[in-house]
Structure formats: structure tokens, C-alpha cells
Amino acid sequence: MAGKVSSELQTIIRKRPKLFGDLIRALKDQPDHAVLRIVREVRDGKW
């Protein structure tokens, strides 16, 4: 993706920039398996 964020993701992030910024900062040093677990929990509605 050459370092670009899709327009779909840009739209989503712009709706709640502080929230997504906080989320990304909190996840930046987490291992992939931890991030994937969170994604799956949110996607599956188990949170």
C-alpha cells in the first residue's frame, strides 16, 4: 500500500480522531497476537 491509508479508513478515523489515535498509541507496542485477539473480540461482538 506504499505507506498510504485507504480512503475508507481515513473516513472512519476522521469521525473519531482522538479515540483512534489513543487506540493506535495503546496498541503500537503490543504483539500481533494481542492485537488480533482484540480485533476478533470486537468483530465477533464479544466485548
PDB file of N, CA and C in Angstrom:
ATOM      1  N   MET A   1       0.822  -1.202   0.000  1.00  0.00           N
ATOM      2  CA  MET A   1       0.000   0.000   0.000  1.00  0.00           C
ATOM      3  C   MET A   1       0.864   1.264   0.000  1.00  0.00           C
ATOM      4  N   ALA A   2       2.158   1.105  -0.077  1.00  0.00           N
ATOM      5  CA  ALA A   2       3.082   2.230  -0.227  1.00  0.00           C
ATOM      6  C   ALA A   2       2.916   3.280   0.867  1.00  0.00           C
ATOM      7  N   GLY A   3       2.613   2.848   2.083  1.00  0.00           N
ATOM      8  CA  GLY A   3       2.510   3.785   3.194  1.00  0.00           C
ATOM      9  C   GLY A   3       1.261   4.634   3.199  1.00  0.00           C
ATOM     10  N   LYS A   4       0.250   4.228   2.442  1.00  0.00           N
ATOM     11  CA  LYS A   4      -0.980   5.014   2.351  1.00  0.00           C
ATOM     12  C   LYS A   4      -2.105   4.333   3.110  1.00  0.00           C
ATOM     13  N   VAL A   5      -3.004   5.153   3.611  1.00  0.00           N
ATOM     14  CA  VAL A   5      -4.184   4.663   4.309  1.00  0.00           C
ATOM     15  C   VAL A   5      -5.357   4.777   3.348  1.00  0.00           C
ATOM     16  N   SER A   6      -6.150   3.711   3.244  1.00  0.00           N
ATOM     17  CA  SER A   6      -7.274   3.730   2.311  1.00  0.00           C
ATOM     18  C   SER A   6      -8.252   4.844   2.670  1.00  0.00           C
ATOM     19  N   SER A   7      -8.978   5.313   1.668  1.00  0.00           N
ATOM     20  CA  SER A   7      -9.951   6.390   1.893  1.00  0.00           C
ATOM     21  C   SER A   7     -11.036   5.936   2.867  1.00  0.00           C
ATOM     22  N   GLU A   8     -11.377   4.654   2.840  1.00  0.00           N
ATOM     23  CA  GLU A   8     -12.374   4.130   3.782  1.00  0.00           C
ATOM     24  C   GLU A   8     -11.888   4.294   5.221  1.00  0.00           C
ATOM     25  N   LEU A   9     -10.629   3.907   5.470  1.00  0.00           N
ATOM     26  CA  LEU A   9     -10.087   4.037   6.822  1.00  0.00           C
ATOM     27  C   LEU A   9      -9.934   5.498   7.220  1.00  0.00           C
ATOM     28  N   GLN A  10      -9.537   6.345   6.296  1.00  0.00           N
ATOM     29  CA  GLN A  10      -9.417   7.772   6.593  1.00  0.00           C
ATOM     30  C   GLN A  10     -10.752   8.344   7.051  1.00  0.00           C
ATOM     31  N   THR A  11     -11.826   7.962   6.384  1.00  0.00           N
ATOM     32  CA  THR A  11     -13.163   8.441   6.741  1.00  0.00           C
ATOM     33  C   THR A  11     -13.540   7.986   8.145  1.00  0.00           C
ATOM     34  N   ILE A  12     -13.270   6.726   8.441  1.00  0.00           N
ATOM     35  CA  ILE A  12     -13.594   6.179   9.767  1.00  0.00           C
ATOM     36  C   ILE A  12     -12.804   6.901  10.850  1.00  0.00           C
ATOM     37  N   ILE A  13     -11.517   7.085  10.637  1.00  0.00           N
ATOM     38  CA  ILE A  13     -10.645   7.735  11.621  1.00  0.00           C
ATOM     39  C   ILE A  13     -11.039   9.200  11.813  1.00  0.00           C
ATOM     40  N   ARG A  14     -11.389   9.885  10.761  1.00  0.00           N
ATOM     41  CA  ARG A  14     -11.770  11.303  10.857  1.00  0.00           C
ATOM     42  C   ARG A  14     -13.030  11.514  11.683  1.00  0.00           C
ATOM     43  N   LYS A  15     -13.876  10.513  11.770  1.00  0.00           N
ATOM     44  CA  LYS A  15     -15.097  10.637  12.574  1.00  0.00           C
ATOM     45  C   LYS A  15     -14.779  10.644  14.070  1.00  0.00           C
ATOM     46  N   ARG A  16     -13.681   9.971  14.462  1.00  0.00           N
ATOM     47  CA  ARG A  16     -13.301   9.897  15.880  1.00  0.00           C
ATOM     48  C   ARG A  16     -11.776   9.915  16.004  1.00  0.00           C
ATOM     49  N   PRO A  17     -11.140  11.004  15.604  1.00  0.00           N
ATOM     50  CA  PRO A  17      -9.683  11.028  15.545  1.00  0.00           C
ATOM     51  C   PRO A  17      -8.994  10.805  16.892  1.00  0.00           C
ATOM     52  N   LYS A  18      -9.496  11.397  17.957  1.00  0.00           N
ATOM     53  CA  LYS A  18      -8.845  11.221  19.253  1.00  0.00           C
ATOM     54  C   LYS A  18      -8.943   9.776  19.717  1.00  0.00           C
ATOM     55  N   LEU A  19     -10.111   9.199  19.584  1.00  0.00           N
ATOM     56  CA  LEU A  19     -10.321   7.822  20.001  1.00  0.00           C
ATOM     57  C   LEU A  19      -9.411   6.861  19.242  1.00  0.00           C
ATOM     58  N   PHE A  20      -9.336   7.005  17.932  1.00  0.00           N
ATOM     59  CA  PHE A  20      -8.488   6.112  17.153  1.00  0.00           C
ATOM     60  C   PHE A  20      -7.011   6.387  17.381  1.00  0.00           C
ATOM     61  N   GLY A  21      -6.658   7.641  17.608  1.00  0.00           N
ATOM     62  CA  GLY A  21      -5.271   7.957  17.943  1.00  0.00           C
ATOM     63  C   GLY A  21      -4.856   7.294  19.244  1.00  0.00           C
ATOM     64  N   ASP A  22      -5.724   7.386  20.252  1.00  0.00           N
ATOM     65  CA  ASP A  22      -5.452   6.736  21.539  1.00  0.00           C
ATOM     66  C   ASP A  22      -5.322   5.227  21.369  1.00  0.00           C
ATOM     67  N   LEU A  23      -6.215   4.647  20.574  1.00  0.00           N
ATOM     68  CA  LEU A  23      -6.189   3.204  20.349  1.00  0.00           C
ATOM     69  C   LEU A  23      -4.889   2.767  19.676  1.00  0.00           C
ATOM     70  N   ILE A  24      -4.502   3.467  18.637  1.00  0.00           N
ATOM     71  CA  ILE A  24      -3.283   3.109  17.902  1.00  0.00           C
ATOM     72  C   ILE A  24      -2.055   3.250  18.796  1.00  0.00           C
ATOM     73  N   ARG A  25      -2.019   4.327  19.587  1.00  0.00           N
ATOM     74  CA  ARG A  25      -0.880   4.503  20.503  1.00  0.00           C
ATOM     75  C   ARG A  25      -0.824   3.376  21.539  1.00  0.00           C
ATOM     76  N   ALA A  26      -1.984   2.965  22.034  1.00  0.00           N
ATOM     77  CA  ALA A  26      -2.028   1.904  23.041  1.00  0.00           C
ATOM     78  C   ALA A  26      -1.607   0.556  22.454  1.00  0.00           C
ATOM     79  N   LEU A  27      -1.850   0.344  21.173  1.00  0.00           N
ATOM     80  CA  LEU A  27      -1.556  -0.938  20.540  1.00  0.00           C
ATOM     81  C   LEU A  27      -0.194  -1.004  19.857  1.00  0.00           C
ATOM     82  N   LYS A  28       0.482   0.126  19.720  1.00  0.00           N
ATOM     83  CA  LYS A  28       1.690   0.173  18.891  1.00  0.00           C
ATOM     84  C   LYS A  28       2.790  -0.793  19.317  1.00  0.00           C
ATOM     85  N   ASP A  29       2.927  -1.062  20.591  1.00  0.00           N
ATOM     86  CA  ASP A  29       3.992  -1.950  21.057  1.00  0.00           C
ATOM     87  C   ASP A  29       3.498  -3.339  21.444  1.00  0.00           C
ATOM     88  N   GLN A  30       2.237  -3.604  21.191  1.00  0.00           N
ATOM     89  CA  GLN A  30       1.677  -4.906  21.544  1.00  0.00           C
ATOM     90  C   GLN A  30       2.023  -5.934  20.462  1.00  0.00           C
ATOM     91  N   PRO A  31       2.186  -7.183  20.853  1.00  0.00           N
ATOM     92  CA  PRO A  31       2.462  -8.219  19.853  1.00  0.00           C
ATOM     93  C   PRO A  31       1.241  -8.452  18.962  1.00  0.00           C
ATOM     94  N   ASP A  32       1.494  -8.938  17.765  1.00  0.00           N
ATOM     95  CA  ASP A  32       0.415  -9.165  16.800  1.00  0.00           C
ATOM     96  C   ASP A  32      -0.713 -10.015  17.369  1.00  0.00           C
ATOM     97  N   HIS A  33      -0.377 -11.043  18.122  1.00  0.00           N
ATOM     98  CA  HIS A  33      -1.436 -11.925  18.625  1.00  0.00           C
ATOM     99  C   HIS A  33      -2.384 -11.181  19.570  1.00  0.00           C
ATOM    100  N   ALA A  34      -1.882 -10.216  20.314  1.00  0.00           N
ATOM    101  CA  ALA A  34      -2.740  -9.441  21.212  1.00  0.00           C
ATOM    102  C   ALA A  34      -3.667  -8.525  20.415  1.00  0.00           C
ATOM    103  N   VAL A  35      -3.135  -7.891  19.379  1.00  0.00           N
ATOM    104  CA  VAL A  35      -3.950  -7.017  18.537  1.00  0.00           C
ATOM    105  C   VAL A  35      -5.012  -7.840  17.809  1.00  0.00           C
ATOM    106  N   LEU A  36      -4.628  -8.991  17.283  1.00  0.00           N
ATOM    107  CA  LEU A  36      -5.598  -9.852  16.597  1.00  0.00           C
ATOM    108  C   LEU A  36      -6.698 -10.322  17.527  1.00  0.00           C
ATOM    109  N   ARG A  37      -6.361 -10.600  18.774  1.00  0.00           N
ATOM    110  CA  ARG A  37      -7.381 -11.015  19.740  1.00  0.00           C
ATOM    111  C   ARG A  37      -8.401  -9.903  19.951  1.00  0.00           C
ATOM    112  N   ILE A  38      -7.935  -8.675  20.067  1.00  0.00           N
ATOM    113  CA  ILE A  38      -8.838  -7.542  20.246  1.00  0.00           C
ATOM    114  C   ILE A  38      -9.712  -7.358  19.015  1.00  0.00           C
ATOM    115  N   VAL A  39      -9.121  -7.449  17.831  1.00  0.00           N
ATOM    116  CA  VAL A  39      -9.891  -7.312  16.585  1.00  0.00           C
ATOM    117  C   VAL A  39     -10.986  -8.369  16.528  1.00  0.00           C
ATOM    118  N   ARG A  40     -10.645  -9.595  16.838  1.00  0.00           N
ATOM    119  CA  ARG A  40     -11.634 -10.684  16.790  1.00  0.00           C
ATOM    120  C   ARG A  40     -12.742 -10.471  17.809  1.00  0.00           C
ATOM    121  N   GLU A  41     -12.397 -10.030  19.005  1.00  0.00           N
ATOM    122  CA  GLU A  41     -13.410  -9.801  20.032  1.00  0.00           C
ATOM    123  C   GLU A  41     -14.387  -8.716  19.610  1.00  0.00           C
ATOM    124  N   VAL A  42     -13.871  -7.627  19.049  1.00  0.00           N
ATOM    125  CA  VAL A  42     -14.739  -6.542  18.596  1.00  0.00           C
ATOM    126  C   VAL A  42     -15.590  -6.997  17.418  1.00  0.00           C
ATOM    127  N   ARG A  43     -14.948  -7.648  16.444  1.00  0.00           N
ATOM    128  CA  ARG A  43     -15.664  -8.119  15.254  1.00  0.00           C
ATOM    129  C   ARG A  43     -16.779  -9.095  15.608  1.00  0.00           C
ATOM    130  N   ASP A  44     -16.499  -9.979  16.560  1.00  0.00           N
ATOM    131  CA  ASP A  44     -17.480 -11.000  16.932  1.00  0.00           C
ATOM    132  C   ASP A  44     -18.470 -10.534  17.985  1.00  0.00           C
ATOM    133  N   GLY A  45     -18.305  -9.308  18.475  1.00  0.00           N
ATOM    134  CA  GLY A  45     -19.234  -8.765  19.478  1.00  0.00           C
ATOM    135  C   GLY A  45     -19.046  -9.340  20.851  1.00  0.00           C
ATOM    136  N   LYS A  46     -17.851  -9.812  21.176  1.00  0.00           N
ATOM    137  CA  LYS A  46     -17.591 -10.430  22.483  1.00  0.00           C
ATOM    138  C   LYS A  46     -16.816  -9.472  23.382  1.00  0.00           C
ATOM    139  N   TRP A  47     -17.301  -8.255  23.546  1.00  0.00           N
ATOM    140  CA  TRP A  47     -16.601  -7.284  24.379  1.00  0.00           C
ATOM    141  C   TRP A  47     -17.506  -6.539  25.262  1.00  0.00           C
TER     142      TRP A  47
END
